Amino acid sequence: MSGWLSLLLGLPALAVLPAAVAVSDRTDRYSLLEAGFAVAPAAVLALAAIGLAGRARRRQRAAVGRVRGLRAAQIGRLLGWLGFYLAATGALALGVYWLETYLAE
């Protein structure tokens, strides 16, 4: 169960930031800077996916037989790390933007 939940949380973790950027690009209502608010949910989803994948791996090690969902946990862990890297990159970009505007004043 943890493996599949990891996969289900890893997918939106990876998709939240590109979706926010796409929405800000296609509408006049949101700017690209406002799309940066998607960094926090992406990071939370990614860390949850990584944690659930680790839980599934620990269950596999403790089990006598084969545990279902281990492959889903591996994919969820990969998606979680990719989502976390995207969130970290987005946070870094927001930090650089803030620093530029702070120093320009």
C-alpha atoms as a PDB file:
ATOM      1  CA  MET A   1       0.000   0.000   0.000  1.00  0.00           C
ATOM      2  CA  SER A   2       2.818   2.427   0.838  1.00  0.00           C
ATOM      3  CA  GLY A   3       4.415   1.787  -2.531  1.00  0.00           C
ATOM      4  CA  TRP A   4       1.314   2.741  -4.455  1.00  0.00           C
ATOM      5  CA  LEU A   5       0.733   5.804  -2.289  1.00  0.00           C
ATOM      6  CA  SER A   6       4.307   6.826  -2.951  1.00  0.00           C
ATOM      7  CA  LEU A   7       3.665   6.580  -6.664  1.00  0.00           C
ATOM      8  CA  LEU A   8       0.390   8.493  -6.371  1.00  0.00           C
ATOM      9  CA  LEU A   9       2.098  11.301  -4.449  1.00  0.00           C
ATOM     10  CA  GLY A  10       5.190  11.317  -6.646  1.00  0.00           C
ATOM     11  CA  LEU A  11       3.233  12.065  -9.804  1.00  0.00           C
ATOM     12  CA  PRO A  12       1.677  15.343  -8.607  1.00  0.00           C
ATOM     13  CA  ALA A  13       4.932  16.279  -6.871  1.00  0.00           C
ATOM     14  CA  LEU A  14       6.573  16.235 -10.258  1.00  0.00           C
ATOM     15  CA  ALA A  15       3.656  17.915 -12.074  1.00  0.00           C
ATOM     16  CA  VAL A  16       2.731  20.774  -9.705  1.00  0.00           C
ATOM     17  CA  LEU A  17       5.450  23.249 -10.717  1.00  0.00           C
ATOM     18  CA  PRO A  18       5.255  22.740 -14.497  1.00  0.00           C
ATOM     19  CA  ALA A  19       1.460  23.034 -14.268  1.00  0.00           C
ATOM     20  CA  ALA A  20       1.725  26.286 -12.290  1.00  0.00           C
ATOM     21  CA  VAL A  21       4.175  27.712 -14.814  1.00  0.00           C
ATOM     22  CA  ALA A  22       1.909  26.660 -17.705  1.00  0.00           C
ATOM     23  CA  VAL A  23      -1.123  28.291 -16.072  1.00  0.00           C
ATOM     24  CA  SER A  24       0.805  31.503 -15.451  1.00  0.00           C
ATOM     25  CA  ASP A  25       1.968  31.483 -19.068  1.00  0.00           C
ATOM     26  CA  ARG A  26      -1.490  30.976 -20.561  1.00  0.00           C
ATOM     27  CA  THR A  27      -3.456  33.399 -18.389  1.00  0.00           C
ATOM     28  CA  ASP A  28      -3.081  37.060 -17.551  1.00  0.00           C
ATOM     29  CA  ARG A  29      -4.455  36.484 -14.093  1.00  0.00           C
ATOM     30  CA  TYR A  30      -1.276  34.967 -12.603  1.00  0.00           C
ATOM     31  CA  SER A  31       2.309  36.016 -13.082  1.00  0.00           C
ATOM     32  CA  LEU A  32       5.303  33.730 -13.212  1.00  0.00           C
ATOM     33  CA  LEU A  33       6.329  34.957  -9.779  1.00  0.00           C
ATOM     34  CA  GLU A  34       2.964  33.882  -8.358  1.00  0.00           C
ATOM     35  CA  ALA A  35       3.547  30.420  -9.798  1.00  0.00           C
ATOM     36  CA  GLY A  36       6.317  30.183  -7.220  1.00  0.00           C
ATOM     37  CA  PHE A  37       3.678  29.517  -4.579  1.00  0.00           C
ATOM     38  CA  ALA A  38       3.569  25.976  -5.972  1.00  0.00           C
ATOM     39  CA  VAL A  39       7.065  25.298  -4.600  1.00  0.00           C
ATOM     40  CA  ALA A  40       5.864  24.425  -1.099  1.00  0.00           C
ATOM     41  CA  PRO A  41       3.140  21.923  -2.123  1.00  0.00           C
ATOM     42  CA  ALA A  42       5.555  20.288  -4.564  1.00  0.00           C
ATOM     43  CA  ALA A  43       8.162  19.886  -1.831  1.00  0.00           C
ATOM     44  CA  VAL A  44       5.653  18.476   0.649  1.00  0.00           C
ATOM     45  CA  LEU A  45       4.299  15.970  -1.880  1.00  0.00           C
ATOM     46  CA  ALA A  46       7.813  14.966  -2.889  1.00  0.00           C
ATOM     47  CA  LEU A  47       8.972  14.399   0.677  1.00  0.00           C
ATOM     48  CA  ALA A  48       5.833  12.392   1.424  1.00  0.00           C
ATOM     49  CA  ALA A  49       6.453  10.224  -1.642  1.00  0.00           C
ATOM     50  CA  ILE A  50      10.067   9.637  -0.622  1.00  0.00           C
ATOM     51  CA  GLY A  51       9.031   8.775   2.928  1.00  0.00           C
ATOM     52  CA  LEU A  52       6.342   6.339   1.810  1.00  0.00           C
ATOM     53  CA  ALA A  53       8.772   4.667  -0.566  1.00  0.00           C
ATOM     54  CA  GLY A  54      11.214   4.195   2.297  1.00  0.00           C
ATOM     55  CA  ARG A  55       8.445   2.718   4.394  1.00  0.00           C
ATOM     56  CA  ALA A  56       7.641   0.238   1.632  1.00  0.00           C
ATOM     57  CA  ARG A  57      11.313  -0.746   1.394  1.00  0.00           C
ATOM     58  CA  ARG A  58      11.494  -1.321   5.149  1.00  0.00           C
ATOM     59  CA  ARG A  59       8.380  -3.489   4.974  1.00  0.00           C
ATOM     60  CA  GLN A  60      10.011  -5.503   2.190  1.00  0.00           C
ATOM     61  CA  ARG A  61      13.106  -6.126   4.289  1.00  0.00           C
ATOM     62  CA  ALA A  62      11.063  -7.193   7.308  1.00  0.00           C
ATOM     63  CA  ALA A  63       8.759  -9.497   5.349  1.00  0.00           C
ATOM     64  CA  VAL A  64       9.424 -13.185   4.972  1.00  0.00           C
ATOM     65  CA  GLY A  65       7.787 -13.442   1.565  1.00  0.00           C
ATOM     66  CA  ARG A  66       7.390 -11.050  -1.281  1.00  0.00           C
ATOM     67  CA  VAL A  67       5.615  -7.741  -0.679  1.00  0.00           C
ATOM     68  CA  ARG A  68       3.502  -6.258  -3.440  1.00  0.00           C
ATOM     69  CA  GLY A  69       4.084  -2.722  -4.658  1.00  0.00           C
ATOM     70  CA  LEU A  70       7.851  -2.619  -4.364  1.00  0.00           C
ATOM     71  CA  ARG A  71       8.300  -1.577  -7.998  1.00  0.00           C
ATOM     72  CA  ALA A  72       5.674   1.142  -7.526  1.00  0.00           C
ATOM     73  CA  ALA A  73       7.623   2.312  -4.480  1.00  0.00           C
ATOM     74  CA  GLN A  74      10.827   2.515  -6.518  1.00  0.00           C
ATOM     75  CA  ILE A  75       9.103   4.581  -9.196  1.00  0.00           C
ATOM     76  CA  GLY A  76       7.407   6.734  -6.526  1.00  0.00           C
ATOM     77  CA  ARG A  77      10.770   7.334  -4.886  1.00  0.00           C
ATOM     78  CA  LEU A  78      12.276   8.396  -8.205  1.00  0.00           C
ATOM     79  CA  LEU A  79       9.363  10.724  -8.937  1.00  0.00           C
ATOM     80  CA  GLY A  80       9.574  12.082  -5.401  1.00  0.00           C
ATOM     81  CA  TRP A  81      13.258  12.925  -5.756  1.00  0.00           C
ATOM     82  CA  LEU A  82      12.672  14.520  -9.154  1.00  0.00           C
ATOM     83  CA  GLY A  83       9.804  16.562  -7.701  1.00  0.00           C
ATOM     84  CA  PHE A  84      11.993  17.585  -4.777  1.00  0.00           C
ATOM     85  CA  TYR A  85      14.759  18.698  -7.133  1.00  0.00           C
ATOM     86  CA  LEU A  86      12.243  20.766  -9.103  1.00  0.00           C
ATOM     87  CA  ALA A  87      10.935  22.328  -5.878  1.00  0.00           C
ATOM     88  CA  ALA A  88      14.475  23.099  -4.706  1.00  0.00           C
ATOM     89  CA  THR A  89      15.279  24.678  -8.064  1.00  0.00           C
ATOM     90  CA  GLY A  90      12.103  26.752  -7.876  1.00  0.00           C
ATOM     91  CA  ALA A  91      12.960  27.859  -4.341  1.00  0.00           C
ATOM     92  CA  LEU A  92      16.460  28.796  -5.444  1.00  0.00           C
ATOM     93  CA  ALA A  93      15.051  30.813  -8.364  1.00  0.00           C
ATOM     94  CA  LEU A  94      12.689  32.649  -6.030  1.00  0.00           C
ATOM     95  CA  GLY A  95      15.560  33.362  -3.652  1.00  0.00           C
ATOM     96  CA  VAL A  96      17.707  34.776  -6.434  1.00  0.00           C
ATOM     97  CA  TYR A  97      14.802  36.924  -7.642  1.00  0.00           C
ATOM     98  CA  TRP A  98      14.228  38.249  -4.120  1.00  0.00           C
ATOM     99  CA  LEU A  99      17.937  39.007  -3.735  1.00  0.00           C
ATOM    100  CA  GLU A 100      18.004  40.856  -7.056  1.00  0.00           C
ATOM    101  CA  THR A 101      15.024  43.008  -6.165  1.00  0.00           C
ATOM    102  CA  TYR A 102      16.373  43.628  -2.662  1.00  0.00           C
ATOM    103  CA  LEU A 103      19.775  44.745  -3.968  1.00  0.00           C
ATOM    104  CA  ALA A 104      18.228  46.863  -6.726  1.00  0.00           C
ATOM    105  CA  GLU A 105      16.464  49.114  -4.211  1.00  0.00           C
END
